[in-house]
Amino acid sequence: MTRFGEMATSSPESARKIQKAMSGIKDYSDFMPDPRDLPEHMDETEFKQRFQSVDSPAYQEISKQIDARITATPIYNSN
């Protein structure tokens, strides 16, 4: 949601664009990708087993996938 906040506050023009885009959304998937196939509810031990650290290639790949999904949502393509 950082990107959303940046768009909503970066300038009056950007704020108006995001307001207009939000007024036409059909459901949450217009601005939030489906997270159900992403790893979640990990404690520290499981996170370290799966990713080692936030700098690991595995974690960076998941992060890139999430960013790509967000970018592909309709609200971010309408601007």
C-alpha atoms as a PDB file:
ATOM      1  CA  MET A   1       0.000   0.000   0.000  1.00  0.00           C
ATOM      2  CA  THR A   2       3.025   2.265  -0.011  1.00  0.00           C
ATOM      3  CA  ARG A   3       2.608   2.867  -3.727  1.00  0.00           C
ATOM      4  CA  PHE A   4      -1.055   3.748  -3.194  1.00  0.00           C
ATOM      5  CA  GLY A   5      -0.147   6.265  -0.489  1.00  0.00           C
ATOM      6  CA  GLU A   6       2.524   7.828  -2.650  1.00  0.00           C
ATOM      7  CA  MET A   7       0.080   8.217  -5.537  1.00  0.00           C
ATOM      8  CA  ALA A   8      -2.579   9.659  -3.262  1.00  0.00           C
ATOM      9  CA  THR A   9      -0.307  12.284  -1.732  1.00  0.00           C
ATOM     10  CA  SER A  10       2.422  13.131  -4.246  1.00  0.00           C
ATOM     11  CA  SER A  11       0.500  16.008  -5.828  1.00  0.00           C
ATOM     12  CA  PRO A  12      -3.028  17.368  -6.076  1.00  0.00           C
ATOM     13  CA  GLU A  13      -3.249  16.026  -9.655  1.00  0.00           C
ATOM     14  CA  SER A  14      -2.119  12.565  -8.567  1.00  0.00           C
ATOM     15  CA  ALA A  15      -4.583  12.614  -5.671  1.00  0.00           C
ATOM     16  CA  ARG A  16      -7.430  13.432  -8.051  1.00  0.00           C
ATOM     17  CA  LYS A  17      -6.368  10.632 -10.409  1.00  0.00           C
ATOM     18  CA  ILE A  18      -6.323   8.040  -7.632  1.00  0.00           C
ATOM     19  CA  GLN A  19      -9.676   9.288  -6.312  1.00  0.00           C
ATOM     20  CA  LYS A  20     -11.200   8.970  -9.768  1.00  0.00           C
ATOM     21  CA  ALA A  21      -9.721   5.509 -10.249  1.00  0.00           C
ATOM     22  CA  MET A  22     -10.960   4.351  -6.825  1.00  0.00           C
ATOM     23  CA  SER A  23     -14.473   5.596  -7.548  1.00  0.00           C
ATOM     24  CA  GLY A  24     -14.704   3.110 -10.419  1.00  0.00           C
ATOM     25  CA  ILE A  25     -13.332  -0.031  -8.811  1.00  0.00           C
ATOM     26  CA  LYS A  26     -15.426  -3.188  -8.908  1.00  0.00           C
ATOM     27  CA  ASP A  27     -13.767  -5.050  -6.030  1.00  0.00           C
ATOM     28  CA  TYR A  28     -10.513  -5.255  -4.102  1.00  0.00           C
ATOM     29  CA  SER A  29      -8.725  -7.033  -6.967  1.00  0.00           C
ATOM     30  CA  ASP A  30      -8.729  -3.758  -8.913  1.00  0.00           C
ATOM     31  CA  PHE A  31      -6.097  -2.422  -6.507  1.00  0.00           C
ATOM     32  CA  MET A  32      -4.859  -5.429  -4.509  1.00  0.00           C
ATOM     33  CA  PRO A  33      -3.596  -8.662  -6.079  1.00  0.00           C
ATOM     34  CA  ASP A  34      -4.726 -11.996  -4.661  1.00  0.00           C
ATOM     35  CA  PRO A  35      -2.183 -12.996  -1.978  1.00  0.00           C
ATOM     36  CA  ARG A  36      -3.500 -16.508  -1.299  1.00  0.00           C
ATOM     37  CA  ASP A  37      -0.664 -18.310  -3.088  1.00  0.00           C
ATOM     38  CA  LEU A  38       2.058 -16.349  -1.305  1.00  0.00           C
ATOM     39  CA  PRO A  39       3.815 -17.579   1.836  1.00  0.00           C
ATOM     40  CA  GLU A  40       2.411 -16.131   5.046  1.00  0.00           C
ATOM     41  CA  HIS A  41       2.043 -16.667   8.796  1.00  0.00           C
ATOM     42  CA  MET A  42       5.722 -17.567   9.175  1.00  0.00           C
ATOM     43  CA  ASP A  43       7.476 -17.247  12.450  1.00  0.00           C
ATOM     44  CA  GLU A  44      11.126 -16.235  12.490  1.00  0.00           C
ATOM     45  CA  THR A  45      12.386 -19.832  12.350  1.00  0.00           C
ATOM     46  CA  GLU A  46      10.289 -20.728   9.319  1.00  0.00           C
ATOM     47  CA  PHE A  47      11.231 -17.476   7.588  1.00  0.00           C
ATOM     48  CA  LYS A  48      14.930 -18.203   8.076  1.00  0.00           C
ATOM     49  CA  GLN A  49      14.494 -21.776   6.822  1.00  0.00           C
ATOM     50  CA  ARG A  50      12.665 -20.610   3.715  1.00  0.00           C
ATOM     51  CA  PHE A  51      14.466 -17.360   2.893  1.00  0.00           C
ATOM     52  CA  GLN A  52      17.515 -17.002   5.199  1.00  0.00           C
ATOM     53  CA  SER A  53      17.208 -13.190   5.057  1.00  0.00           C
ATOM     54  CA  VAL A  54      15.479 -10.352   3.221  1.00  0.00           C
ATOM     55  CA  ASP A  55      18.611 -10.078   1.081  1.00  0.00           C
ATOM     56  CA  SER A  56      18.429 -13.659  -0.202  1.00  0.00           C
ATOM     57  CA  PRO A  57      17.634 -14.345  -3.878  1.00  0.00           C
ATOM     58  CA  ALA A  58      14.548 -16.369  -2.866  1.00  0.00           C
ATOM     59  CA  TYR A  59      13.095 -13.489  -0.855  1.00  0.00           C
ATOM     60  CA  GLN A  60      13.989 -10.945  -3.538  1.00  0.00           C
ATOM     61  CA  GLU A  61      12.168 -13.089  -6.122  1.00  0.00           C
ATOM     62  CA  ILE A  62       8.993 -13.166  -4.019  1.00  0.00           C
ATOM     63  CA  SER A  63       9.264  -9.409  -3.555  1.00  0.00           C
ATOM     64  CA  LYS A  64       9.594  -8.901  -7.336  1.00  0.00           C
ATOM     65  CA  GLN A  65       6.554 -11.112  -7.941  1.00  0.00           C
ATOM     66  CA  ILE A  66       4.495  -9.068  -5.490  1.00  0.00           C
ATOM     67  CA  ASP A  67       5.598  -5.782  -7.088  1.00  0.00           C
ATOM     68  CA  ALA A  68       4.722  -7.119 -10.557  1.00  0.00           C
ATOM     69  CA  ARG A  69       1.285  -8.214  -9.377  1.00  0.00           C
ATOM     70  CA  ILE A  70       0.614  -4.817  -7.828  1.00  0.00           C
ATOM     71  CA  THR A  71       1.761  -3.017 -10.962  1.00  0.00           C
ATOM     72  CA  ALA A  72      -0.576  -5.177 -13.074  1.00  0.00           C
ATOM     73  CA  THR A  73      -3.705  -4.239 -11.110  1.00  0.00           C
ATOM     74  CA  PRO A  74      -6.138  -1.956 -12.938  1.00  0.00           C
ATOM     75  CA  ILE A  75      -5.799   1.018 -10.612  1.00  0.00           C
ATOM     76  CA  TYR A  76      -2.068   1.349 -11.268  1.00  0.00           C
ATOM     77  CA  ASN A  77      -2.561   0.932 -15.010  1.00  0.00           C
ATOM     78  CA  SER A  78      -5.150   3.695 -15.196  1.00  0.00           C
ATOM     79  CA  ASN A  79      -2.632   6.476 -14.543  1.00  0.00           C
END
